[in-house]
Amino acid sequence: MNPLIRVFEEKKRVKEELESILSRESISRARRDHHSWREPRPCGMTIHTGIGCSLGCVYCYVPDMGFPMKPKPYPLSPLELTYALALNPYVFPGHTLAAYGSVTEPFLKETKIRAIEYIATVYKYLKLPSQVSTKIPLTDEDALALKKAEPSLSVLVTVITLNHSHILEPNAPSPLERLESIRVLREHGLHVSLFMRPIIPGITDREAEKILAIAVENKVNGVVLGSLRVTPGILKRLSLKGYNVVEVTKRLPRKPRNNRDQVTIKSSDLKRRIEEYAVKLGVKVYPSACAANIEAHKLSCYACRLGPCGFGRPPLVKEKWIIDLIDYFNGSVNSVEVNDSTVKIKGLRLKDNKLKTILKHFTVSVLRRRLVLS
């Protein structure tokens, strides 16, 4: 069978298997959940392990999105969540990247069991290359559970400051403990990256060299750098904590319109400076979080301008496979051209426009290239 069509047949098989296990109520609940229809982000399909967060990080956008400070596990069972993902037209077994957390800290006491169960169950049925980010120091027991759940799991350990954590992250564990937990995770064979996001101007950039040095001592695989996103609420909270928000506002491309409008500050100069520290210390800098996930799973990806990422050339794709796939969708095409970075399709005709969106995500997730239509 055409290996591209096989992906859709496997998706159908998983869906039917889960339908044979789940109750009618569970199936209905999963179908109504946003994991069953939401499009993946550039980092992959974000999977919510809980709702809300109690760490109270001043720079966090979660409170501005309307989520509570008191966290609770996400309401779907592990099988329901997996079924919702199997229903999602933009999720492809064995290929779509999964990013756990998003609107909570996955390893809070309220969410840790649910997070590990989600990672394990999704991997068992869908084999999604998975990544999780955390500010909680993880133990040997946690590392063993995660390694069992997803053997190639990519773990991002967030540290953006040592000196100001008690102010900016009032309820979060010590950043030194987080950095020390990198060694624990590495000793159990997990791929671990330092997650230096968000970079707070005048704080993170000044402390980056020391943070990186400690991460290196603990055998970190690399570092992911990320910019600060602000809302009026974040600016107000930073100001109330004594931070000079002028350092941020002068880097804004525009003012945020409301508390749900997250605006990313300009920070390329800060990233370059931190990257120089990293290179000096022999630390690999990943251009994005998904790049760390790609490397952890020994994949390769040419799907965006930040790449290529990972190992070697992108997956083998034959033009005939794509033509047959479009025929599988009851569509037609004038011509197909494949190179390392793009799939170019001329004269694509599909009865349902939604299929174009599915094809776009398929090209990124499975073929690890960009789709170009003409």
Protein backbone atom coordinates (compact mmCIF):
# COMPACT_ATOMS: atom_id res chain seq x y z
CA MET A 1 0.00 0.00 0.00
CA ASN A 2 1.05 3.59 -0.67
CA PRO A 3 2.77 4.62 2.62
CA LEU A 4 0.94 7.99 2.63
CA ILE A 5 -2.47 6.34 2.35
CA ARG A 6 -1.38 3.89 5.04
CA VAL A 7 -1.22 6.80 7.52
CA PHE A 8 -4.93 7.51 6.99
CA GLU A 9 -5.80 3.82 7.18
CA GLU A 10 -3.93 3.56 10.48
CA LYS A 11 -5.79 6.59 11.78
CA LYS A 12 -9.08 4.89 10.87
CA ARG A 13 -7.97 1.67 12.57
CA VAL A 14 -7.07 3.45 15.83
CA LYS A 15 -10.35 5.36 15.79
CA GLU A 16 -12.36 2.14 15.36
CA GLU A 17 -10.37 0.35 18.07
CA LEU A 18 -11.04 3.12 20.57
CA GLU A 19 -14.73 3.20 19.62
CA SER A 20 -14.92 -0.49 20.52
CA ILE A 21 -13.56 0.30 24.01
CA LEU A 22 -15.26 3.57 24.93
CA SER A 23 -18.84 4.06 26.05
CA ARG A 24 -21.29 6.13 24.04
CA GLU A 25 -21.01 8.90 26.65
CA SER A 26 -17.21 8.94 26.41
CA ILE A 27 -17.31 9.07 22.62
CA SER A 28 -19.74 11.99 22.74
CA ARG A 29 -17.61 13.84 25.30
CA ALA A 30 -14.46 13.39 23.19
CA ARG A 31 -16.22 14.54 20.01
CA ARG A 32 -17.25 17.80 21.71
CA ASP A 33 -13.74 18.51 22.99
CA HIS A 34 -11.49 20.98 21.13
CA HIS A 35 -8.70 18.40 20.84
CA SER A 36 -10.89 16.70 18.22
CA TRP A 37 -10.92 19.63 15.79
CA ARG A 38 -8.27 22.25 16.70
CA GLU A 39 -5.38 22.77 14.25
CA PRO A 40 -1.84 22.09 15.50
CA ARG A 41 0.49 25.00 16.29
CA PRO A 42 4.00 25.20 14.79
CA CYS A 43 5.34 23.26 17.82
CA GLY A 44 2.77 20.53 17.20
CA MET A 45 -0.60 19.61 18.68
CA THR A 46 -0.82 21.25 22.10
CA ILE A 47 -2.42 18.88 24.60
CA HIS A 48 -3.92 20.24 27.81
CA THR A 49 -3.11 18.07 30.83
CA GLY A 50 -4.98 20.41 33.16
CA ILE A 51 -6.75 23.73 33.38
CA GLY A 52 -5.24 26.60 35.33
CA CYS A 53 -1.96 26.93 37.23
CA SER A 54 -0.98 27.81 40.80
CA LEU A 55 2.65 28.79 40.19
CA GLY A 56 1.68 32.45 39.77
CA CYS A 57 4.47 33.40 37.35
CA VAL A 58 4.20 37.15 36.78
CA TYR A 59 4.96 36.93 33.06
CA CYS A 60 2.42 34.16 32.35
CA TYR A 61 -0.50 34.67 29.96
CA VAL A 62 -2.65 31.88 31.45
CA PRO A 63 -4.55 34.18 33.89
CA ASP A 64 -5.27 36.62 31.04
CA MET A 65 -6.85 33.80 29.03
CA GLY A 66 -9.45 33.36 31.77
CA PHE A 67 -7.99 30.22 33.35
CA PRO A 68 -8.09 29.93 37.15
CA MET A 69 -5.14 30.02 39.54
CA LYS A 70 -6.45 26.83 41.14
CA PRO A 71 -5.51 24.00 38.76
CA LYS A 72 -7.45 20.84 38.08
CA PRO A 73 -6.83 17.86 35.80
CA TYR A 74 -8.21 18.08 32.28
CA PRO A 75 -11.70 16.49 32.31
CA LEU A 76 -11.18 13.84 29.61
CA SER A 77 -9.94 10.40 30.58
CA PRO A 78 -6.71 9.26 28.85
CA LEU A 79 -8.67 7.10 26.39
CA GLU A 80 -11.16 9.90 25.70
CA LEU A 81 -8.33 12.35 25.04
CA THR A 82 -6.62 9.86 22.71
CA TYR A 83 -9.89 9.28 20.86
CA ALA A 84 -10.40 13.05 20.47
CA LEU A 85 -6.94 13.25 18.87
CA ALA A 86 -7.71 10.27 16.63
CA LEU A 87 -10.80 12.16 15.43
CA ASN A 88 -8.83 15.32 14.72
CA PRO A 89 -8.40 15.59 10.91
CA TYR A 90 -5.02 17.32 11.35
CA VAL A 91 -3.43 14.68 13.60
CA PHE A 92 -1.55 11.81 11.93
CA PRO A 93 -0.47 8.67 13.85
CA GLY A 94 3.28 8.29 14.20
CA HIS A 95 3.99 11.75 12.84
CA THR A 96 2.21 14.78 14.37
CA LEU A 97 4.30 16.35 17.11
CA ALA A 98 2.59 16.53 20.51
CA ALA A 99 3.31 19.27 23.07
CA TYR A 100 1.94 18.69 26.57
CA GLY A 101 1.04 21.47 29.01
CA SER A 102 0.12 24.74 27.30
CA VAL A 103 -2.35 26.18 29.83
CA THR A 104 -0.98 24.56 32.98
CA GLU A 105 2.16 23.15 34.55
CA PRO A 106 1.88 19.44 33.68
CA PHE A 107 3.54 18.16 36.86
CA LEU A 108 1.66 19.99 39.58
CA LYS A 109 0.36 17.58 42.23
CA GLU A 110 -3.14 18.10 40.79
CA THR A 111 -2.11 17.28 37.21
CA LYS A 112 0.96 15.01 37.31
CA ILE A 113 -0.83 11.66 37.22
CA ARG A 114 -3.12 12.83 34.42
CA ALA A 115 -0.15 14.19 32.43
CA ILE A 116 1.81 10.93 32.58
CA GLU A 117 -1.31 8.90 31.74
CA TYR A 118 -2.00 11.14 28.75
CA ILE A 119 1.55 10.84 27.44
CA ALA A 120 1.49 7.04 27.86
CA THR A 121 -1.96 6.45 26.33
CA VAL A 122 -1.49 8.80 23.37
CA TYR A 123 1.85 7.19 22.62
CA LYS A 124 0.43 3.66 22.96
CA TYR A 125 -2.29 4.23 20.36
CA LEU A 126 -1.06 7.10 18.17
CA LYS A 127 2.74 7.04 18.60
CA LEU A 128 2.95 10.85 18.45
CA PRO A 129 6.52 12.19 18.97
CA SER A 130 5.96 13.93 22.29
CA GLN A 131 7.38 16.84 24.25
CA VAL A 132 6.58 18.25 27.69
CA SER A 133 7.75 21.46 29.37
CA THR A 134 8.00 21.92 33.13
CA LYS A 135 9.18 24.03 36.06
CA ILE A 136 8.84 21.15 38.51
CA PRO A 137 12.03 19.26 39.49
CA LEU A 138 11.40 15.66 38.48
CA THR A 139 12.53 12.67 40.52
CA ASP A 140 13.97 9.28 39.54
CA GLU A 141 10.47 7.85 39.91
CA ASP A 142 9.06 10.52 37.59
CA ALA A 143 11.82 9.93 35.05
CA LEU A 144 11.17 6.17 35.05
CA ALA A 145 7.44 6.75 34.54
CA LEU A 146 8.04 9.17 31.67
CA LYS A 147 10.60 6.91 30.00
CA LYS A 148 8.10 4.05 30.17
CA ALA A 149 5.30 6.29 28.86
CA GLU A 150 7.25 7.58 25.84
CA PRO A 151 10.81 6.25 25.42
CA SER A 152 12.03 9.17 23.28
CA LEU A 153 10.17 11.91 25.13
CA SER A 154 11.59 15.43 24.75
CA VAL A 155 11.61 17.30 28.08
CA LEU A 156 11.96 21.09 28.31
CA VAL A 157 13.06 22.39 31.72
CA THR A 158 12.19 26.07 32.11
CA VAL A 159 14.68 28.41 33.81
CA ILE A 160 14.81 32.11 32.95
CA THR A 161 16.35 33.58 36.11
CA LEU A 162 18.21 32.49 39.23
CA ASN A 163 18.26 35.80 41.10
CA HIS A 164 14.69 36.96 40.54
CA SER A 165 12.72 33.72 40.54
CA HIS A 166 11.24 34.42 43.98
CA ILE A 167 9.70 37.60 42.54
CA LEU A 168 8.79 36.52 39.00
CA GLU A 169 7.86 32.90 39.81
CA PRO A 170 6.66 33.16 43.42
CA ASN A 171 5.16 29.69 43.79
CA ALA A 172 7.52 27.77 41.50
CA PRO A 173 10.26 25.47 42.82
CA SER A 174 13.85 26.71 42.96
CA PRO A 175 15.46 27.10 39.54
CA LEU A 176 18.59 25.39 40.88
CA GLU A 177 16.51 22.32 41.74
CA ARG A 178 15.07 22.38 38.22
CA LEU A 179 18.55 22.52 36.72
CA GLU A 180 19.71 19.65 38.92
CA SER A 181 16.74 17.56 37.77
CA ILE A 182 18.14 17.73 34.23
CA ARG A 183 20.82 15.26 35.34
CA VAL A 184 18.18 12.92 36.78
CA LEU A 185 16.24 12.88 33.52
CA ARG A 186 19.39 12.44 31.43
CA GLU A 187 20.53 9.50 33.57
CA HIS A 188 17.30 7.75 32.59
CA GLY A 189 17.96 8.28 28.89
CA LEU A 190 15.55 11.15 28.25
CA HIS A 191 16.34 14.02 25.91
CA VAL A 192 16.40 17.24 27.96
CA SER A 193 16.63 20.85 26.83
CA LEU A 194 16.92 24.02 28.85
CA PHE A 195 13.85 26.11 28.03
CA MET A 196 14.87 29.75 28.32
CA ARG A 197 11.48 31.24 27.60
CA PRO A 198 10.44 33.92 28.03
CA ILE A 199 13.62 35.95 27.85
CA ILE A 200 13.00 38.92 30.17
CA PRO A 201 15.12 41.88 28.96
CA GLY A 202 17.67 42.99 31.55
CA ILE A 203 17.21 39.80 33.57
CA THR A 204 17.45 36.61 31.52
CA ASP A 205 20.12 37.93 29.16
CA ARG A 206 22.30 39.01 32.12
CA GLU A 207 21.98 35.67 33.89
CA ALA A 208 22.03 33.42 30.82
CA GLU A 209 25.72 32.48 30.95
CA LYS A 210 25.48 31.24 34.54
CA ILE A 211 22.23 29.37 33.88
CA LEU A 212 23.73 27.70 30.81
CA ALA A 213 26.90 26.75 32.70
CA ILE A 214 24.89 24.94 35.39
CA ALA A 215 22.77 23.22 32.72
CA VAL A 216 25.96 22.00 31.02
CA GLU A 217 27.22 20.58 34.33
CA ASN A 218 23.98 18.58 34.46
CA LYS A 219 24.45 17.16 30.93
CA VAL A 220 21.72 19.12 29.12
CA ASN A 221 21.24 18.26 25.42
CA GLY A 222 20.68 21.84 24.30
CA VAL A 223 18.76 25.06 24.83
CA VAL A 224 15.58 26.54 23.34
CA LEU A 225 15.31 30.33 23.42
CA GLY A 226 11.95 32.08 23.36
CA SER A 227 10.64 35.64 23.34
CA LEU A 228 8.37 37.27 25.91
CA ARG A 229 4.73 37.75 24.94
CA VAL A 230 2.88 40.47 26.82
CA THR A 231 -0.65 41.61 27.53
CA PRO A 232 -1.71 44.70 29.51
CA GLY A 233 -2.09 42.38 32.51
CA ILE A 234 1.45 41.05 32.22
CA LEU A 235 2.88 44.56 31.91
CA LYS A 236 0.94 45.64 35.00
CA ARG A 237 2.08 42.64 37.05
CA LEU A 238 5.71 43.14 36.05
CA SER A 239 5.50 46.82 36.99
CA LEU A 240 3.93 46.04 40.37
CA LYS A 241 6.88 43.74 41.11
CA GLY A 242 9.31 46.60 40.54
CA TYR A 243 10.43 45.69 37.03
CA ASN A 244 11.05 48.63 34.70
CA VAL A 245 8.58 47.78 31.93
CA VAL A 246 10.19 50.36 29.63
CA GLU A 247 12.70 47.57 28.90
CA VAL A 248 9.77 45.69 27.38
CA THR A 249 7.52 48.40 25.95
CA LYS A 250 10.32 49.85 23.81
CA ARG A 251 10.59 46.44 22.15
CA LEU A 252 6.89 46.10 21.35
CA PRO A 253 5.96 46.21 17.64
CA ARG A 254 2.57 47.51 18.80
CA LYS A 255 0.59 47.84 22.01
CA PRO A 256 -1.58 44.87 23.05
CA ARG A 257 -5.25 45.74 22.57
CA ASN A 258 -6.63 43.75 25.51
CA ASN A 259 -5.69 41.00 27.94
CA ARG A 260 -6.29 38.26 25.37
CA ASP A 261 -4.07 40.01 22.82
CA GLN A 262 -0.57 38.62 23.33
CA VAL A 263 2.13 40.64 21.57
CA THR A 264 5.64 39.22 21.16
CA ILE A 265 8.46 41.66 21.90
CA LYS A 266 11.48 42.06 19.64
CA SER A 267 14.35 40.14 21.18
CA SER A 268 16.62 38.94 18.38
CA ASP A 269 19.57 40.87 19.86
CA LEU A 270 19.06 39.18 23.24
CA LYS A 271 18.83 35.76 21.59
CA ARG A 272 22.06 36.40 19.66
CA ARG A 273 23.85 37.34 22.88
CA ILE A 274 22.61 34.23 24.68
CA GLU A 275 23.48 32.07 21.68
CA GLU A 276 27.05 33.39 21.85
CA TYR A 277 27.24 32.24 25.48
CA ALA A 278 25.84 28.85 24.50
CA VAL A 279 28.32 28.36 21.65
CA LYS A 280 31.19 29.28 23.99
CA LEU A 281 30.00 26.61 26.43
CA GLY A 282 29.44 24.02 23.70
CA VAL A 283 25.64 24.00 24.11
CA LYS A 284 23.50 23.28 21.07
CA VAL A 285 20.90 25.99 20.38
CA TYR A 286 17.63 24.73 18.92
CA PRO A 287 15.83 27.28 16.75
CA SER A 288 12.47 26.24 18.23
CA ALA A 289 10.91 23.87 20.74
CA CYS A 290 9.83 21.50 17.97
CA ALA A 291 13.45 21.25 16.79
CA ALA A 292 14.35 19.69 20.15
CA ASN A 293 11.44 17.27 19.74
CA ILE A 294 12.57 16.36 16.22
CA GLU A 295 16.09 15.62 17.45
CA ALA A 296 14.85 13.64 20.47
CA HIS A 297 13.00 11.31 18.11
CA LYS A 298 15.87 11.10 15.60
CA LEU A 299 13.75 12.64 12.84
CA SER A 300 14.49 15.28 10.23
CA CYS A 301 12.37 18.26 9.22
CA TYR A 302 12.61 20.87 6.44
CA ALA A 303 9.13 22.33 6.91
CA CYS A 304 9.99 25.93 7.88
CA ARG A 305 12.57 28.65 7.42
CA LEU A 306 14.21 27.79 10.79
CA GLY A 307 15.32 24.37 9.53
CA PRO A 308 16.49 21.98 8.46
CA CYS A 309 16.33 20.33 11.87
CA GLY A 310 17.24 16.90 13.10
CA PHE A 311 19.16 14.22 11.26
CA GLY A 312 19.85 13.87 7.55
CA ARG A 313 17.49 14.47 4.68
CA PRO A 314 13.69 14.60 5.00
CA PRO A 315 11.61 11.44 4.49
CA LEU A 316 11.54 9.87 1.05
CA VAL A 317 8.48 10.96 -0.91
CA LYS A 318 7.58 9.92 -4.45
CA GLU A 319 5.44 12.17 -6.63
CA LYS A 320 3.22 9.19 -7.49
CA TRP A 321 2.45 8.65 -3.80
CA ILE A 322 1.07 12.19 -3.56
CA ILE A 323 -0.94 11.83 -6.77
CA ASP A 324 -2.44 8.59 -5.43
CA LEU A 325 -3.20 10.28 -2.10
CA ILE A 326 -5.10 13.08 -3.84
CA ASP A 327 -7.01 10.44 -5.79
CA TYR A 328 -7.77 8.77 -2.42
CA PHE A 329 -9.39 12.10 -1.47
CA ASN A 330 -11.41 11.96 -4.74
CA GLY A 331 -9.41 14.87 -6.09
CA SER A 332 -7.15 15.50 -9.06
CA VAL A 333 -3.95 17.37 -9.85
CA ASN A 334 -2.05 18.61 -12.90
CA SER A 335 1.46 17.96 -11.59
CA VAL A 336 3.49 17.32 -8.43
CA GLU A 337 7.10 18.22 -7.76
CA VAL A 338 8.98 17.21 -4.60
CA ASN A 339 12.31 18.51 -3.32
CA ASP A 340 13.94 18.54 0.12
CA SER A 341 11.98 21.50 1.43
CA THR A 342 8.70 21.69 -0.50
CA VAL A 343 5.92 19.76 -2.15
CA LYS A 344 4.72 21.81 -5.13
CA ILE A 345 1.30 20.94 -6.51
CA LYS A 346 -0.17 22.54 -9.62
CA GLY A 347 -3.85 22.48 -10.44
CA LEU A 348 -5.06 20.83 -7.24
CA ARG A 349 -8.80 20.17 -7.32
CA LEU A 350 -10.61 18.88 -4.23
CA LYS A 351 -14.35 18.73 -3.58
CA ASP A 352 -13.95 19.95 0.01
CA ASN A 353 -11.75 22.98 0.80
CA LYS A 354 -11.06 21.53 4.26
CA LEU A 355 -9.03 18.83 2.52
CA LYS A 356 -6.51 21.51 1.47
CA THR A 357 -5.94 22.33 5.15
CA ILE A 358 -5.59 18.65 5.95
CA LEU A 359 -3.09 18.27 3.08
CA LYS A 360 -1.10 21.28 4.38
CA HIS A 361 -0.77 19.77 7.86
CA PHE A 362 -0.05 16.34 6.38
CA THR A 363 2.80 17.79 4.31
CA VAL A 364 4.34 19.40 7.40
CA SER A 365 3.77 16.54 9.86
CA VAL A 366 4.35 13.49 7.69
CA LEU A 367 6.44 14.68 4.76
CA ARG A 368 8.30 17.31 6.87
CA ARG A 369 8.10 19.84 4.06
CA ARG A 370 6.06 22.93 3.12
CA LEU A 371 3.10 22.71 0.76
CA VAL A 372 3.15 25.10 -2.21
CA LEU A 373 -0.01 25.28 -4.31
CA SER A 374 -0.30 26.96 -7.72
